[in-house]
PDB file of all heavy atoms in Angstrom:
ATOM      1  N   ASN A   1      12.816 107.431-108.036  1.00  0.00           N
ATOM      2  CA  ASN A   1      11.995 106.289-108.448  1.00  0.00           C
ATOM      3  C   ASN A   1      12.658 104.968-108.076  1.00  0.00           C
ATOM      4  O   ASN A   1      11.973 104.013-107.681  1.00  0.00           O
ATOM      5  CB  ASN A   1      11.727 106.344-109.948  1.00  0.00           C
ATOM      6  CG  ASN A   1      10.664 107.365-110.309  1.00  0.00           C
ATOM      7  OD1 ASN A   1       9.964 107.876-109.432  1.00  0.00           O
ATOM      8  ND2 ASN A   1      10.543 107.683-111.574  1.00  0.00           N
ATOM      9  N   PHE A   2      13.972 104.895-108.198  1.00  0.00           N
ATOM     10  CA  PHE A   2      14.686 103.682-107.793  1.00  0.00           C
ATOM     11  C   PHE A   2      14.495 103.423-106.302  1.00  0.00           C
ATOM     12  O   PHE A   2      14.230 102.286-105.875  1.00  0.00           O
ATOM     13  CB  PHE A   2      16.173 103.817-108.120  1.00  0.00           C
ATOM     14  CG  PHE A   2      17.012 102.692-107.567  1.00  0.00           C
ATOM     15  CD1 PHE A   2      17.052 101.464-108.204  1.00  0.00           C
ATOM     16  CD2 PHE A   2      17.740 102.880-106.400  1.00  0.00           C
ATOM     17  CE1 PHE A   2      17.812 100.420-107.682  1.00  0.00           C
ATOM     18  CE2 PHE A   2      18.505 101.849-105.874  1.00  0.00           C
ATOM     19  CZ  PHE A   2      18.539 100.608-106.513  1.00  0.00           C
ATOM     20  N   LEU A   3      14.608 104.468-105.494  1.00  0.00           N
ATOM     21  CA  LEU A   3      14.423 104.322-104.047  1.00  0.00           C
ATOM     22  C   LEU A   3      12.998 103.893-103.712  1.00  0.00           C
ATOM     23  O   LEU A   3      12.784 103.018-102.856  1.00  0.00           O
ATOM     24  CB  LEU A   3      14.750 105.642-103.352  1.00  0.00           C
ATOM     25  CG  LEU A   3      16.209 106.106-103.401  1.00  0.00           C
ATOM     26  CD1 LEU A   3      16.339 107.532-102.890  1.00  0.00           C
ATOM     27  CD2 LEU A   3      17.100 105.169-102.587  1.00  0.00           C
ATOM     28  N   LEU A   4      12.031 104.496-104.393  1.00  0.00           N
ATOM     29  CA  LEU A   4      10.637 104.170-104.118  1.00  0.00           C
ATOM     30  C   LEU A   4      10.294 102.748-104.544  1.00  0.00           C
ATOM     31  O   LEU A   4       9.563 102.037-103.844  1.00  0.00           O
ATOM     32  CB  LEU A   4       9.719 105.175-104.825  1.00  0.00           C
ATOM     33  CG  LEU A   4       9.797 106.619-104.313  1.00  0.00           C
ATOM     34  CD1 LEU A   4       8.964 107.552-105.187  1.00  0.00           C
ATOM     35  CD2 LEU A   4       9.333 106.707-102.859  1.00  0.00           C
ATOM     36  N   ILE A   5      10.810 102.322-105.693  1.00  0.00           N
ATOM     37  CA  ILE A   5      10.551 100.955-106.156  1.00  0.00           C
ATOM     38  C   ILE A   5      11.179  99.938-105.204  1.00  0.00           C
ATOM     39  O   ILE A   5      10.591  98.895-104.893  1.00  0.00           O
ATOM     40  CB  ILE A   5      11.069 100.766-107.594  1.00  0.00           C
ATOM     41  CG1 ILE A   5      10.213 101.588-108.566  1.00  0.00           C
ATOM     42  CG2 ILE A   5      11.042  99.294-107.999  1.00  0.00           C
ATOM     43  CD1 ILE A   5      10.757 101.645-109.978  1.00  0.00           C
ATOM     44  N   ALA A   6      12.389 100.236-104.718  1.00  0.00           N
ATOM     45  CA  ALA A   6      13.025  99.355-103.736  1.00  0.00           C
ATOM     46  C   ALA A   6      12.190  99.266-102.462  1.00  0.00           C
ATOM     47  O   ALA A   6      12.051  98.189-101.863  1.00  0.00           O
ATOM     48  CB  ALA A   6      14.433  99.856-103.426  1.00  0.00           C
ATOM     49  N   ALA A   7      11.619 100.402-102.048  1.00  0.00           N
ATOM     50  CA  ALA A   7      10.765 100.408-100.855  1.00  0.00           C
ATOM     51  C   ALA A   7       9.511  99.556-101.086  1.00  0.00           C
ATOM     52  O   ALA A   7       9.072  98.829-100.187  1.00  0.00           O
ATOM     53  CB  ALA A   7      10.375 101.840-100.503  1.00  0.00           C
ATOM     54  N   ILE A   8       8.933  99.641-102.290  1.00  0.00           N
ATOM     55  CA  ILE A   8       7.754  98.837-102.610  1.00  0.00           C
ATOM     56  C   ILE A   8       8.059  97.349-102.447  1.00  0.00           C
ATOM     57  O   ILE A   8       7.295  96.593-101.820  1.00  0.00           O
ATOM     58  CB  ILE A   8       7.281  99.122-104.051  1.00  0.00           C
ATOM     59  CG1 ILE A   8       6.735 100.544-104.166  1.00  0.00           C
ATOM     60  CG2 ILE A   8       6.207  98.114-104.482  1.00  0.00           C
ATOM     61  CD1 ILE A   8       6.445 100.967-105.598  1.00  0.00           C
ATOM     62  N   VAL A   9       9.184  96.917-103.022  1.00  0.00           N
ATOM     63  CA  VAL A   9       9.563  95.496-102.959  1.00  0.00           C
ATOM     64  C   VAL A   9       9.731  95.056-101.507  1.00  0.00           C
ATOM     65  O   VAL A   9       9.229  94.003-101.091  1.00  0.00           O
ATOM     66  CB  VAL A   9      10.853  95.257-103.761  1.00  0.00           C
ATOM     67  CG1 VAL A   9      11.346  93.834-103.559  1.00  0.00           C
ATOM     68  CG2 VAL A   9      10.611  95.529-105.238  1.00  0.00           C
ATOM     69  N   LEU A  10      10.424  95.862-100.710  1.00  0.00           N
ATOM     70  CA  LEU A  10      10.667  95.489 -99.313  1.00  0.00           C
ATOM     71  C   LEU A  10       9.377  95.480 -98.499  1.00  0.00           C
ATOM     72  O   LEU A  10       9.191  94.604 -97.636  1.00  0.00           O
ATOM     73  CB  LEU A  10      11.685  96.438 -98.689  1.00  0.00           C
ATOM     74  CG  LEU A  10      13.129  96.270 -99.171  1.00  0.00           C
ATOM     75  CD1 LEU A  10      14.027  97.324 -98.541  1.00  0.00           C
ATOM     76  CD2 LEU A  10      13.637  94.879 -98.836  1.00  0.00           C
ATOM     77  N   TYR A  11       8.487  96.429 -98.748  1.00  0.00           N
ATOM     78  CA  TYR A  11       7.198  96.427 -98.045  1.00  0.00           C
ATOM     79  C   TYR A  11       6.421  95.140 -98.341  1.00  0.00           C
ATOM     80  O   TYR A  11       5.823  94.529 -97.447  1.00  0.00           O
ATOM     81  CB  TYR A  11       6.365  97.639 -98.458  1.00  0.00           C
ATOM     82  CG  TYR A  11       6.735  98.927 -97.765  1.00  0.00           C
ATOM     83  CD1 TYR A  11       6.714 100.148 -98.463  1.00  0.00           C
ATOM     84  CD2 TYR A  11       7.086  98.964 -96.421  1.00  0.00           C
ATOM     85  CE1 TYR A  11       7.048 101.345 -97.836  1.00  0.00           C
ATOM     86  CE2 TYR A  11       7.420 100.149 -95.791  1.00  0.00           C
ATOM     87  CZ  TYR A  11       7.402 101.343 -96.504  1.00  0.00           C
ATOM     88  OH  TYR A  11       7.720 102.515 -95.873  1.00  0.00           O
ATOM     89  N   LEU A  12       6.403  94.730 -99.602  1.00  0.00           N
ATOM     90  CA  LEU A  12       5.677  93.519 -99.974  1.00  0.00           C
ATOM     91  C   LEU A  12       6.320  92.278 -99.359  1.00  0.00           C
ATOM     92  O   LEU A  12       5.626  91.355 -98.922  1.00  0.00           O
ATOM     93  CB  LEU A  12       5.613  93.392-101.499  1.00  0.00           C
ATOM     94  CG  LEU A  12       4.764  94.451-102.215  1.00  0.00           C
ATOM     95  CD1 LEU A  12       4.863  94.283-103.724  1.00  0.00           C
ATOM     96  CD2 LEU A  12       3.305  94.367-101.764  1.00  0.00           C
ATOM     97  N   VAL A  13       7.653  92.241 -99.336  1.00  0.00           N
ATOM     98  CA  VAL A  13       8.342  91.111 -98.703  1.00  0.00           C
ATOM     99  C   VAL A  13       8.032  91.069 -97.212  1.00  0.00           C
ATOM    100  O   VAL A  13       7.771  89.994 -96.643  1.00  0.00           O
ATOM    101  CB  VAL A  13       9.864  91.208 -98.941  1.00  0.00           C
ATOM    102  CG1 VAL A  13      10.605  90.158 -98.118  1.00  0.00           C
ATOM    103  CG2 VAL A  13      10.183  91.035-100.423  1.00  0.00           C
ATOM    104  N   CYS A  14       8.020  92.234 -96.566  1.00  0.00           N
ATOM    105  CA  CYS A  14       7.692  92.304 -95.134  1.00  0.00           C
ATOM    106  C   CYS A  14       6.278  91.785 -94.866  1.00  0.00           C
ATOM    107  O   CYS A  14       6.033  91.111 -93.859  1.00  0.00           O
ATOM    108  CB  CYS A  14       7.813  93.744 -94.632  1.00  0.00           C
ATOM    109  SG  CYS A  14       9.499  94.323 -94.447  1.00  0.00           S
ATOM    110  N   ALA A  15       5.351  92.096 -95.753  1.00  0.00           N
ATOM    111  CA  ALA A  15       3.975  91.640 -95.581  1.00  0.00           C
ATOM    112  C   ALA A  15       3.862  90.130 -95.732  1.00  0.00           C
ATOM    113  O   ALA A  15       2.998  89.494 -95.123  1.00  0.00           O
ATOM    114  CB  ALA A  15       3.059  92.339 -96.582  1.00  0.00           C
ATOM    115  N   ALA A  16       4.736  89.532 -96.541  1.00  0.00           N
ATOM    116  CA  ALA A  16       4.631  88.107 -96.853  1.00  0.00           C
ATOM    117  C   ALA A  16       5.397  87.217 -95.878  1.00  0.00           C
ATOM    118  O   ALA A  16       5.100  86.026 -95.775  1.00  0.00           O
ATOM    119  CB  ALA A  16       5.125  87.848 -98.273  1.00  0.00           C
ATOM    120  N   LEU A  17       6.368  87.762 -95.168  1.00  0.00           N
ATOM    121  CA  LEU A  17       7.182  86.942 -94.279  1.00  0.00           C
ATOM    122  C   LEU A  17       6.356  86.379 -93.123  1.00  0.00           C
ATOM    123  O   LEU A  17       5.446  87.047 -92.622  1.00  0.00           O
ATOM    124  CB  LEU A  17       8.339  87.764 -93.718  1.00  0.00           C
ATOM    125  CG  LEU A  17       9.497  88.070 -94.680  1.00  0.00           C
ATOM    126  CD1 LEU A  17      10.469  89.051 -94.043  1.00  0.00           C
ATOM    127  CD2 LEU A  17      10.227  86.781 -95.062  1.00  0.00           C
ATOM    128  N   PRO A  18       6.664  85.169 -92.679  1.00  0.00           N
ATOM    129  CA  PRO A  18       5.940  84.591 -91.526  1.00  0.00           C
ATOM    130  C   PRO A  18       6.289  85.312 -90.239  1.00  0.00           C
ATOM    131  O   PRO A  18       7.375  85.876 -90.090  1.00  0.00           O
ATOM    132  CB  PRO A  18       6.422  83.141 -91.510  1.00  0.00           C
ATOM    133  CG  PRO A  18       7.755  83.163 -92.191  1.00  0.00           C
ATOM    134  CD  PRO A  18       7.664  84.234 -93.239  1.00  0.00           C
ATOM    135  N   SER A  19       5.372  85.295 -89.297  1.00  0.00           N
ATOM    136  CA  SER A  19       5.539  86.038 -88.051  1.00  0.00           C
ATOM    137  C   SER A  19       6.749  85.592 -87.249  1.00  0.00           C
ATOM    138  O   SER A  19       7.307  86.373 -86.465  1.00  0.00           O
ATOM    139  CB  SER A  19       4.275  85.904 -87.190  1.00  0.00           C
ATOM    140  OG  SER A  19       3.145  86.417 -87.860  1.00  0.00           O
ATOM    141  N   ARG A  20       7.158  84.334 -87.401  1.00  0.00           N
ATOM    142  CA  ARG A  20       8.298  83.835 -86.617  1.00  0.00           C
ATOM    143  C   ARG A  20       9.611  84.513 -87.008  1.00  0.00           C
ATOM    144  O   ARG A  20      10.593  84.432 -86.273  1.00  0.00           O
ATOM    145  CB  ARG A  20       8.423  82.326 -86.780  1.00  0.00           C
ATOM    146  CG  ARG A  20       8.761  81.865 -88.194  1.00  0.00           C
ATOM    147  CD  ARG A  20       8.906  80.353 -88.272  1.00  0.00           C
ATOM    148  NE  ARG A  20       9.240  79.896 -89.611  1.00  0.00           N
ATOM    149  CZ  ARG A  20       8.355  79.623 -90.545  1.00  0.00           C
ATOM    150  NH1 ARG A  20       7.050  79.752 -90.276  1.00  0.00           N
ATOM    151  NH2 ARG A  20       8.742  79.211 -91.745  1.00  0.00           N
ATOM    152  N   ARG A  21       9.644  85.191 -88.156  1.00  0.00           N
ATOM    153  CA  ARG A  21      10.854  85.910 -88.583  1.00  0.00           C
ATOM    154  C   ARG A  21      10.797  87.362 -88.109  1.00  0.00           C
ATOM    155  O   ARG A  21      11.036  88.294 -88.868  1.00  0.00           O
ATOM    156  CB  ARG A  21      10.978  85.858 -90.108  1.00  0.00           C
ATOM    157  CG  ARG A  21      10.926  84.452 -90.703  1.00  0.00           C
ATOM    158  CD  ARG A  21      12.102  83.596 -90.243  1.00  0.00           C
ATOM    159  NE  ARG A  21      13.378  84.154 -90.655  1.00  0.00           N
ATOM    160  CZ  ARG A  21      13.939  83.914 -91.836  1.00  0.00           C
ATOM    161  NH1 ARG A  21      13.321  83.131 -92.723  1.00  0.00           N
ATOM    162  NH2 ARG A  21      15.100  84.443 -92.144  1.00  0.00           N
ATOM    163  N   ALA A  22      10.490  87.542 -86.845  1.00  0.00           N
ATOM    164  CA  ALA A  22      10.261  88.886 -86.297  1.00  0.00           C
ATOM    165  C   ALA A  22      11.476  89.802 -86.464  1.00  0.00           C
ATOM    166  O   ALA A  22      11.341  90.978 -86.803  1.00  0.00           O
ATOM    167  CB  ALA A  22       9.872  88.786 -84.823  1.00  0.00           C
ATOM    168  N   GLY A  23      12.665  89.276 -86.191  1.00  0.00           N
ATOM    169  CA  GLY A  23      13.865  90.101 -86.312  1.00  0.00           C
ATOM    170  C   GLY A  23      14.100  90.570 -87.728  1.00  0.00           C
ATOM    171  O   GLY A  23      14.406  91.755 -87.962  1.00  0.00           O
ATOM    172  N   LEU A  24      13.944  89.660 -88.684  1.00  0.00           N
ATOM    173  CA  LEU A  24      14.132  90.018 -90.091  1.00  0.00           C
ATOM    174  C   LEU A  24      13.059  91.009 -90.538  1.00  0.00           C
ATOM    175  O   LEU A  24      13.355  91.965 -91.275  1.00  0.00           O
ATOM    176  CB  LEU A  24      14.079  88.762 -90.961  1.00  0.00           C
ATOM    177  CG  LEU A  24      14.238  88.970 -92.471  1.00  0.00           C
ATOM    178  CD1 LEU A  24      15.582  89.622 -92.783  1.00  0.00           C
ATOM    179  CD2 LEU A  24      14.094  87.640 -93.208  1.00  0.00           C
ATOM    180  N   ILE A  25      11.828  90.789 -90.092  1.00  0.00           N
ATOM    181  CA  ILE A  25      10.729  91.697 -90.448  1.00  0.00           C
ATOM    182  C   ILE A  25      11.013  93.100 -89.939  1.00  0.00           C
ATOM    183  O   ILE A  25      10.841  94.095 -90.649  1.00  0.00           O
ATOM    184  CB  ILE A  25       9.394  91.174 -89.889  1.00  0.00           C
ATOM    185  CG1 ILE A  25       8.969  89.906 -90.620  1.00  0.00           C
ATOM    186  CG2 ILE A  25       8.305  92.236 -90.010  1.00  0.00           C
ATOM    187  CD1 ILE A  25       7.789  89.199 -89.989  1.00  0.00           C
ATOM    188  N   SER A  26      11.467  93.198 -88.692  1.00  0.00           N
ATOM    189  CA  SER A  26      11.753  94.510 -88.101  1.00  0.00           C
ATOM    190  C   SER A  26      12.860  95.224 -88.868  1.00  0.00           C
ATOM    191  O   SER A  26      12.760  96.420 -89.167  1.00  0.00           O
ATOM    192  CB  SER A  26      12.145  94.334 -86.631  1.00  0.00           C
ATOM    193  OG  SER A  26      12.444  95.575 -86.038  1.00  0.00           O
ATOM    194  N   ALA A  27      13.926  94.485 -89.211  1.00  0.00           N
ATOM    195  CA  ALA A  27      15.047  95.093 -89.928  1.00  0.00           C
ATOM    196  C   ALA A  27      14.634  95.528 -91.336  1.00  0.00           C
ATOM    197  O   ALA A  27      14.988  96.634 -91.788  1.00  0.00           O
ATOM    198  CB  ALA A  27      16.206  94.099 -90.008  1.00  0.00           C
ATOM    199  N   MET A  28      13.862  94.685 -92.029  1.00  0.00           N
ATOM    200  CA  MET A  28      13.446  95.027 -93.389  1.00  0.00           C
ATOM    201  C   MET A  28      12.437  96.169 -93.390  1.00  0.00           C
ATOM    202  O   MET A  28      12.435  96.993 -94.300  1.00  0.00           O
ATOM    203  CB  MET A  28      12.860  93.791 -94.077  1.00  0.00           C
ATOM    204  CG  MET A  28      13.896  92.716 -94.372  1.00  0.00           C
ATOM    205  SD  MET A  28      13.245  91.382 -95.388  1.00  0.00           S
ATOM    206  CE  MET A  28      12.975  92.241 -96.927  1.00  0.00           C
ATOM    207  N   THR A  29      11.608  96.214 -92.349  1.00  0.00           N
ATOM    208  CA  THR A  29      10.669  97.337 -92.235  1.00  0.00           C
ATOM    209  C   THR A  29      11.426  98.648 -92.076  1.00  0.00           C
ATOM    210  O   THR A  29      11.103  99.662 -92.717  1.00  0.00           O
ATOM    211  CB  THR A  29       9.731  97.125 -91.038  1.00  0.00           C
ATOM    212  OG1 THR A  29       8.961  95.939 -91.236  1.00  0.00           O
ATOM    213  CG2 THR A  29       8.781  98.314 -90.890  1.00  0.00           C
ATOM    214  N   ALA A  30      12.447  98.644 -91.223  1.00  0.00           N
ATOM    215  CA  ALA A  30      13.253  99.850 -91.020  1.00  0.00           C
ATOM    216  C   ALA A  30      13.949 100.265 -92.312  1.00  0.00           C
ATOM    217  O   ALA A  30      13.983 101.460 -92.659  1.00  0.00           O
ATOM    218  CB  ALA A  30      14.273  99.608 -89.904  1.00  0.00           C
ATOM    219  N   LEU A  31      14.484  99.289 -93.045  1.00  0.00           N
ATOM    220  CA  LEU A  31      15.167  99.608 -94.306  1.00  0.00           C
ATOM    221  C   LEU A  31      14.189 100.145 -95.342  1.00  0.00           C
ATOM    222  O   LEU A  31      14.486 101.139 -96.035  1.00  0.00           O
ATOM    223  CB  LEU A  31      15.875  98.361 -94.841  1.00  0.00           C
ATOM    224  CG  LEU A  31      16.618  98.518 -96.174  1.00  0.00           C
ATOM    225  CD1 LEU A  31      17.677  99.606 -96.080  1.00  0.00           C
ATOM    226  CD2 LEU A  31      17.240  97.192 -96.597  1.00  0.00           C
ATOM    227  N   ALA A  32      13.025  99.497 -95.455  1.00  0.00           N
ATOM    228  CA  ALA A  32      12.008  99.973 -96.400  1.00  0.00           C
ATOM    229  C   ALA A  32      11.573 101.386 -96.048  1.00  0.00           C
ATOM    230  O   ALA A  32      11.381 102.237 -96.935  1.00  0.00           O
ATOM    231  CB  ALA A  32      10.809  99.025 -96.391  1.00  0.00           C
ATOM    232  N   TRP A  33      11.438 101.654 -94.757  1.00  0.00           N
ATOM    233  CA  TRP A  33      11.016 102.981 -94.301  1.00  0.00           C
ATOM    234  C   TRP A  33      12.073 104.035 -94.652  1.00  0.00           C
ATOM    235  O   TRP A  33      11.732 105.141 -95.077  1.00  0.00           O
ATOM    236  CB  TRP A  33      10.783 102.947 -92.793  1.00  0.00           C
ATOM    237  CG  TRP A  33      10.337 104.235 -92.201  1.00  0.00           C
ATOM    238  CD1 TRP A  33       9.072 104.756 -92.204  1.00  0.00           C
ATOM    239  CD2 TRP A  33      11.157 105.188 -91.505  1.00  0.00           C
ATOM    240  NE1 TRP A  33       9.060 105.976 -91.551  1.00  0.00           N
ATOM    241  CE2 TRP A  33      10.320 106.254 -91.115  1.00  0.00           C
ATOM    242  CE3 TRP A  33      12.508 105.218 -91.167  1.00  0.00           C
ATOM    243  CZ2 TRP A  33      10.802 107.348 -90.413  1.00  0.00           C
ATOM    244  CZ3 TRP A  33      12.989 106.321 -90.465  1.00  0.00           C
ATOM    245  CH2 TRP A  33      12.131 107.373 -90.094  1.00  0.00           C
ATOM    246  N   LEU A  34      13.333 103.703 -94.474  1.00  0.00           N
ATOM    247  CA  LEU A  34      14.412 104.638 -94.811  1.00  0.00           C
ATOM    248  C   LEU A  34      14.448 104.920 -96.312  1.00  0.00           C
ATOM    249  O   LEU A  34      14.607 106.076 -96.736  1.00  0.00           O
ATOM    250  CB  LEU A  34      15.750 104.076 -94.348  1.00  0.00           C
ATOM    251  CG  LEU A  34      15.986 104.053 -92.834  1.00  0.00           C
ATOM    252  CD1 LEU A  34      17.281 103.306 -92.510  1.00  0.00           C
ATOM    253  CD2 LEU A  34      16.035 105.466 -92.258  1.00  0.00           C
ATOM    254  N   LEU A  35      14.297 103.873 -97.125  1.00  0.00           N
ATOM    255  CA  LEU A  35      14.278 104.068 -98.575  1.00  0.00           C
ATOM    256  C   LEU A  35      13.067 104.890 -99.001  1.00  0.00           C
ATOM    257  O   LEU A  35      13.164 105.774 -99.862  1.00  0.00           O
ATOM    258  CB  LEU A  35      14.254 102.709 -99.274  1.00  0.00           C
ATOM    259  CG  LEU A  35      15.531 101.872 -99.170  1.00  0.00           C
ATOM    260  CD1 LEU A  35      15.302 100.471 -99.708  1.00  0.00           C
ATOM    261  CD2 LEU A  35      16.680 102.549 -99.918  1.00  0.00           C
ATOM    262  N   HIS A  36      11.932 104.601 -98.385  1.00  0.00           N
ATOM    263  CA  HIS A  36      10.707 105.358 -98.667  1.00  0.00           C
ATOM    264  C   HIS A  36      10.907 106.832 -98.317  1.00  0.00           C
ATOM    265  O   HIS A  36      10.568 107.731 -99.097  1.00  0.00           O
ATOM    266  CB  HIS A  36       9.559 104.750 -97.860  1.00  0.00           C
ATOM    267  CG  HIS A  36       8.222 105.336 -98.122  1.00  0.00           C
ATOM    268  ND1 HIS A  36       7.081 104.907 -97.474  1.00  0.00           N
ATOM    269  CD2 HIS A  36       7.819 106.353 -98.942  1.00  0.00           C
ATOM    270  CE1 HIS A  36       6.061 105.604 -97.910  1.00  0.00           C
ATOM    271  NE2 HIS A  36       6.470 106.493 -98.780  1.00  0.00           N
ATOM    272  N   GLY A  37      11.472 107.091 -97.127  1.00  0.00           N
ATOM    273  CA  GLY A  37      11.706 108.471 -96.701  1.00  0.00           C
ATOM    274  C   GLY A  37      12.670 109.207 -97.608  1.00  0.00           C
ATOM    275  O   GLY A  37      12.467 110.383 -97.941  1.00  0.00           O
ATOM    276  N   ALA A  38      13.747 108.513 -98.027  1.00  0.00           N
ATOM    277  CA  ALA A  38      14.706 109.143 -98.936  1.00  0.00           C
ATOM    278  C   ALA A  38      14.051 109.453-100.275  1.00  0.00           C
ATOM    279  O   ALA A  38      14.268 110.529-100.860  1.00  0.00           O
ATOM    280  CB  ALA A  38      15.919 108.225 -99.136  1.00  0.00           C
ATOM    281  N   GLY A  39      13.226 108.522-100.773  1.00  0.00           N
ATOM    282  CA  GLY A  39      12.512 108.762-102.027  1.00  0.00           C
ATOM    283  C   GLY A  39      11.560 109.936-101.921  1.00  0.00           C
ATOM    284  O   GLY A  39      11.448 110.754-102.842  1.00  0.00           O
ATOM    285  N   LEU A  40      10.869 110.041-100.775  1.00  0.00           N
ATOM    286  CA  LEU A  40       9.978 111.187-100.555  1.00  0.00           C
ATOM    287  C   LEU A  40      10.763 112.493-100.559  1.00  0.00           C
ATOM    288  O   LEU A  40      10.340 113.492-101.160  1.00  0.00           O
ATOM    289  CB  LEU A  40       9.255 111.024 -99.210  1.00  0.00           C
ATOM    290  CG  LEU A  40       7.994 110.167 -99.170  1.00  0.00           C
ATOM    291  CD1 LEU A  40       7.544 109.969 -97.729  1.00  0.00           C
ATOM    292  CD2 LEU A  40       6.887 110.804 -99.990  1.00  0.00           C
ATOM    293  N   TRP A  41      11.892 112.500 -99.875  1.00  0.00           N
ATOM    294  CA  TRP A  41      12.684 113.729 -99.769  1.00  0.00           C
ATOM    295  C   TRP A  41      13.158 114.198-101.142  1.00  0.00           C
ATOM    296  O   TRP A  41      12.998 115.370-101.499  1.00  0.00           O
ATOM    297  CB  TRP A  41      13.868 113.498 -98.849  1.00  0.00           C
ATOM    298  CG  TRP A  41      14.775 114.696 -98.767  1.00  0.00           C
ATOM    299  CD1 TRP A  41      15.954 114.885 -99.416  1.00  0.00           C
ATOM    300  CD2 TRP A  41      14.553 115.884 -98.007  1.00  0.00           C
ATOM    301  NE1 TRP A  41      16.500 116.102 -99.111  1.00  0.00           N
ATOM    302  CE2 TRP A  41      15.656 116.747 -98.247  1.00  0.00           C
ATOM    303  CE3 TRP A  41      13.544 116.301 -97.137  1.00  0.00           C
ATOM    304  CZ2 TRP A  41      15.770 117.989 -97.646  1.00  0.00           C
ATOM    305  CZ3 TRP A  41      13.657 117.548 -96.547  1.00  0.00           C
ATOM    306  CH2 TRP A  41      14.755 118.370 -96.800  1.00  0.00           C
ATOM    307  N   PHE A  42      13.727 113.307-101.914  1.00  0.00           N
ATOM    308  CA  PHE A  42      14.231 113.685-103.238  1.00  0.00           C
ATOM    309  C   PHE A  42      13.099 114.047-104.196  1.00  0.00           C
ATOM    310  O   PHE A  42      13.273 114.882-105.095  1.00  0.00           O
ATOM    311  CB  PHE A  42      15.061 112.550-103.841  1.00  0.00           C
ATOM    312  CG  PHE A  42      16.415 112.396-103.222  1.00  0.00           C
ATOM    313  CD1 PHE A  42      16.746 111.236-102.551  1.00  0.00           C
ATOM    314  CD2 PHE A  42      17.349 113.418-103.293  1.00  0.00           C
ATOM    315  CE1 PHE A  42      17.999 111.091-101.963  1.00  0.00           C
ATOM    316  CE2 PHE A  42      18.605 113.285-102.713  1.00  0.00           C
ATOM    317  CZ  PHE A  42      18.929 112.112-102.044  1.00  0.00           C
TER     318      PHE A  42
END
């Protein structure tokens, strides 16, 4: 649940960031995806 909640927060932040922050968006998307995947696995 901790991993999934962290993924939720990062997904929402990724959705809200302006397009000019492409590098940050890409990195946060990857991190959110990893947390989401780990939460799914457990």
